[in-house]
Protein backbone atom coordinates (compact mmCIF):
# COMPACT_ATOMS: atom_id res chain seq x y z
CA ASP A 1 103.70 117.29 101.61
CA TYR A 2 104.38 120.10 103.78
CA PHE A 3 107.48 118.70 105.34
CA GLU A 4 109.07 117.33 102.25
CA CYS A 5 108.72 120.70 100.92
CA HIS A 6 110.42 122.05 103.84
CA GLU A 7 112.81 118.89 103.97
CA ILE A 8 113.83 119.65 100.29
CA MET A 9 113.67 123.99 100.42
CA GLU A 10 116.06 123.50 103.34
CA ASP A 11 119.07 121.27 102.00
CA SER A 12 118.72 123.77 99.03
CA TRP A 13 119.09 127.05 101.18
CA LYS A 14 121.70 125.48 103.29
CA SER A 15 123.78 123.77 100.33
CA LYS A 16 124.83 127.27 99.20
CA GLU A 17 128.18 128.64 99.82
CA ASN A 18 126.88 131.55 101.74
CA PHE A 19 123.97 130.67 103.37
CA THR A 20 122.11 132.97 105.90
CA ASN A 21 118.71 133.83 106.89
CA GLU A 22 118.14 137.00 104.32
CA ILE A 23 117.28 135.37 101.61
CA ASP A 24 114.47 134.57 99.96
CA GLU A 25 113.81 130.58 100.25
CA VAL A 26 113.78 131.24 104.13
CA PHE A 27 110.11 132.68 103.30
CA PHE A 28 109.18 129.42 101.71
CA ILE A 29 110.57 127.35 104.14
CA GLN A 30 108.22 129.17 106.45
CA VAL A 31 105.23 129.00 105.48
CA SER A 32 105.51 125.13 104.59
CA THR A 33 106.25 124.51 107.69
CA ALA A 34 103.46 126.76 109.04
CA GLU A 35 101.05 124.73 106.95
CA TYR A 36 103.18 121.46 108.69
CA HIS A 37 101.82 122.44 111.99
CA TYR A 38 98.38 124.54 111.03
CA ARG A 39 97.30 120.89 109.19
CA ARG A 40 98.55 118.67 112.40
CA ASN A 41 96.44 121.12 114.65
CA ASN A 42 99.98 122.61 116.28
CA LEU A 43 97.71 126.07 116.11
CA TYR A 44 100.51 127.66 118.43
CA GLY A 45 103.90 126.44 115.91
CA ALA A 46 101.56 127.71 113.11
CA ARG A 47 100.63 131.28 114.44
CA LYS A 48 104.53 131.09 115.36
CA ILE A 49 105.87 130.49 112.17
CA TYR A 50 103.94 132.35 110.42
CA LYS A 51 104.14 135.49 112.30
CA ARG A 52 108.48 135.24 111.17
CA ALA A 53 106.29 134.74 107.36
CA VAL A 54 104.60 138.09 107.85
CA ASP A 55 107.52 139.55 109.53
CA ARG A 56 110.10 138.72 106.54
CA LEU A 57 107.33 140.16 103.99
CA ASN A 58 107.21 143.27 105.74
CA THR A 59 110.76 143.94 106.31
CA ARG A 60 112.56 141.59 103.15
CA PRO A 61 109.48 142.13 100.40
CA PHE A 62 110.57 140.22 97.18
CA GLU A 63 110.11 139.96 93.57
CA TYR A 64 106.81 137.53 94.17
CA ASN A 65 106.50 137.37 90.04
CA GLU A 66 110.10 135.77 89.78
CA TYR A 67 108.69 132.75 92.03
CA GLY A 68 105.20 132.45 89.96
CA LEU A 69 103.21 133.80 92.63
CA LYS A 70 100.84 136.56 92.71
CA SER A 71 101.39 139.90 94.81
CA GLU A 72 97.97 138.76 96.65
CA ILE A 73 100.53 136.14 98.44
CA LYS A 74 100.82 138.67 100.80
CA SER A 75 97.41 139.56 101.83
CA LEU A 76 96.68 135.80 101.62
CA ILE A 77 99.83 135.18 104.29
CA GLU A 78 98.72 137.60 106.85
CA ASN A 79 95.26 136.74 106.27
CA ARG A 80 96.18 133.18 106.89
CA LEU A 81 98.03 134.50 110.38
CA HIS A 82 94.72 135.99 111.72
CA ASN A 83 92.35 133.22 110.83
CA ILE A 84 94.12 130.60 112.64
CA GLY A 85 91.94 129.21 115.81
CA TYR A 86 89.10 130.68 114.07
CA VAL A 87 89.24 128.59 111.05
CA ASN A 88 89.60 125.19 110.78
CA PHE A 89 92.43 124.31 108.67
CA LYS A 90 92.10 124.20 104.46
CA PRO A 91 95.30 123.71 102.37
CA LEU A 92 96.48 126.93 101.05
CA GLN A 93 95.80 127.80 97.49
CA LEU A 94 99.18 129.66 96.42
CA PRO A 95 98.73 132.75 93.60
CA LEU A 96 100.00 131.02 91.13
CA THR A 97 101.31 133.14 87.72
CA ASP A 98 99.38 131.27 84.88
CA ALA A 99 102.48 130.51 83.60
CA MET A 100 103.79 129.17 86.92
CA CYS A 101 100.51 126.81 86.81
CA LYS A 102 100.98 126.13 82.79
CA GLU A 103 104.73 125.02 83.74
CA LEU A 104 103.57 122.80 86.09
CA HIS A 105 100.81 121.61 84.14
CA SER A 106 103.56 120.63 81.58
CA PHE A 107 106.16 119.20 83.72
CA ALA A 108 103.54 117.21 86.30
CA VAL A 109 100.86 116.32 84.24
CA PRO A 110 101.32 116.92 80.45
CA HIS A 111 98.73 113.34 79.64
CA VAL A 112 95.28 116.07 81.28
CA SER A 113 93.93 118.33 80.09
CA TYR A 114 95.15 121.73 81.79
CA GLU A 115 91.68 122.69 83.10
CA GLU A 116 91.81 119.17 84.57
CA PHE A 117 95.04 120.03 86.35
CA LEU A 118 93.42 122.92 87.76
CA GLU A 119 90.90 121.62 89.16
CA TYR A 120 93.07 118.85 90.36
CA ILE A 121 95.47 121.28 92.41
CA ARG A 122 92.32 122.97 93.86
CA THR A 123 91.05 119.66 95.51
CA LEU A 124 93.98 118.56 96.28
CA HIS A 125 94.08 117.43 100.02
CA LYS A 126 96.16 114.85 101.84
CA THR A 127 95.59 113.13 104.98
CA SER A 128 96.72 110.05 105.29
CA ILE A 129 98.44 109.76 108.85
CA MET A 130 101.83 109.11 107.32
CA LEU A 131 101.39 112.12 105.89
CA VAL A 132 100.35 114.12 108.35
CA GLU A 133 102.70 112.87 111.02
CA LYS A 134 105.07 112.09 108.53
CA HIS A 135 107.82 113.59 110.97
CA ARG A 136 107.25 111.71 113.55
CA LEU A 137 107.04 108.52 111.72
CA ARG A 138 110.10 108.56 109.84
CA ASP A 139 113.38 107.34 110.89
CA ARG A 140 115.09 109.47 113.09
CA SER A 141 117.70 107.70 114.63
CA GLU A 142 120.22 110.06 112.01
CA ILE A 143 118.86 113.09 113.64
CA ILE A 144 118.62 111.56 117.10
CA SER A 145 122.75 110.42 116.68
CA VAL A 146 123.38 113.82 115.50
CA ARG A 147 122.03 115.56 118.67
CA ASN A 148 123.74 113.03 120.80
CA ALA A 149 126.94 114.22 118.82
CA LYS A 150 126.58 117.15 119.18
CA ARG A 151 125.07 117.40 122.97
CA LEU A 152 128.38 114.97 123.47
CA LYS A 153 131.04 117.56 122.11
CA LYS A 154 129.51 120.48 123.86
CA HIS A 155 129.85 118.83 127.18
CA GLY A 156 133.25 117.80 126.58
CA LYS A 157 134.03 121.48 126.02
CA ASP A 158 132.62 122.87 129.64
């Protein structure tokens, strides 16, 4: 789930003592956000966020292997950006290293064969409206409350 991935990664990023936009995790937040927009057919949002991810890869390269990714992630993301609007959404298949795939298999579903696991992740595509529109359908009362408090504080300073 792209939305949950974004939320978890953002919480992790912001929990760091000195979080900045310069750390590697921001790339993963951008990709999950861009995929969320692309799946929902928000092509403008997907392009905008994927452009930021490509810019990040060009200006702040990182060791992909440290995150279980093969080096072709860069060309995959560049192609993804280029194809938005020309190719219908299909889930992004991250080029995971063999070691990462084996770790995921051991962690997530050790009771199925490794081959079944690989087939499952290749064909996994969630289309449930509750998943696709999760950010719109969730309880947003806390978010709205925080936003309103910030507005009141801002207007109180003026």
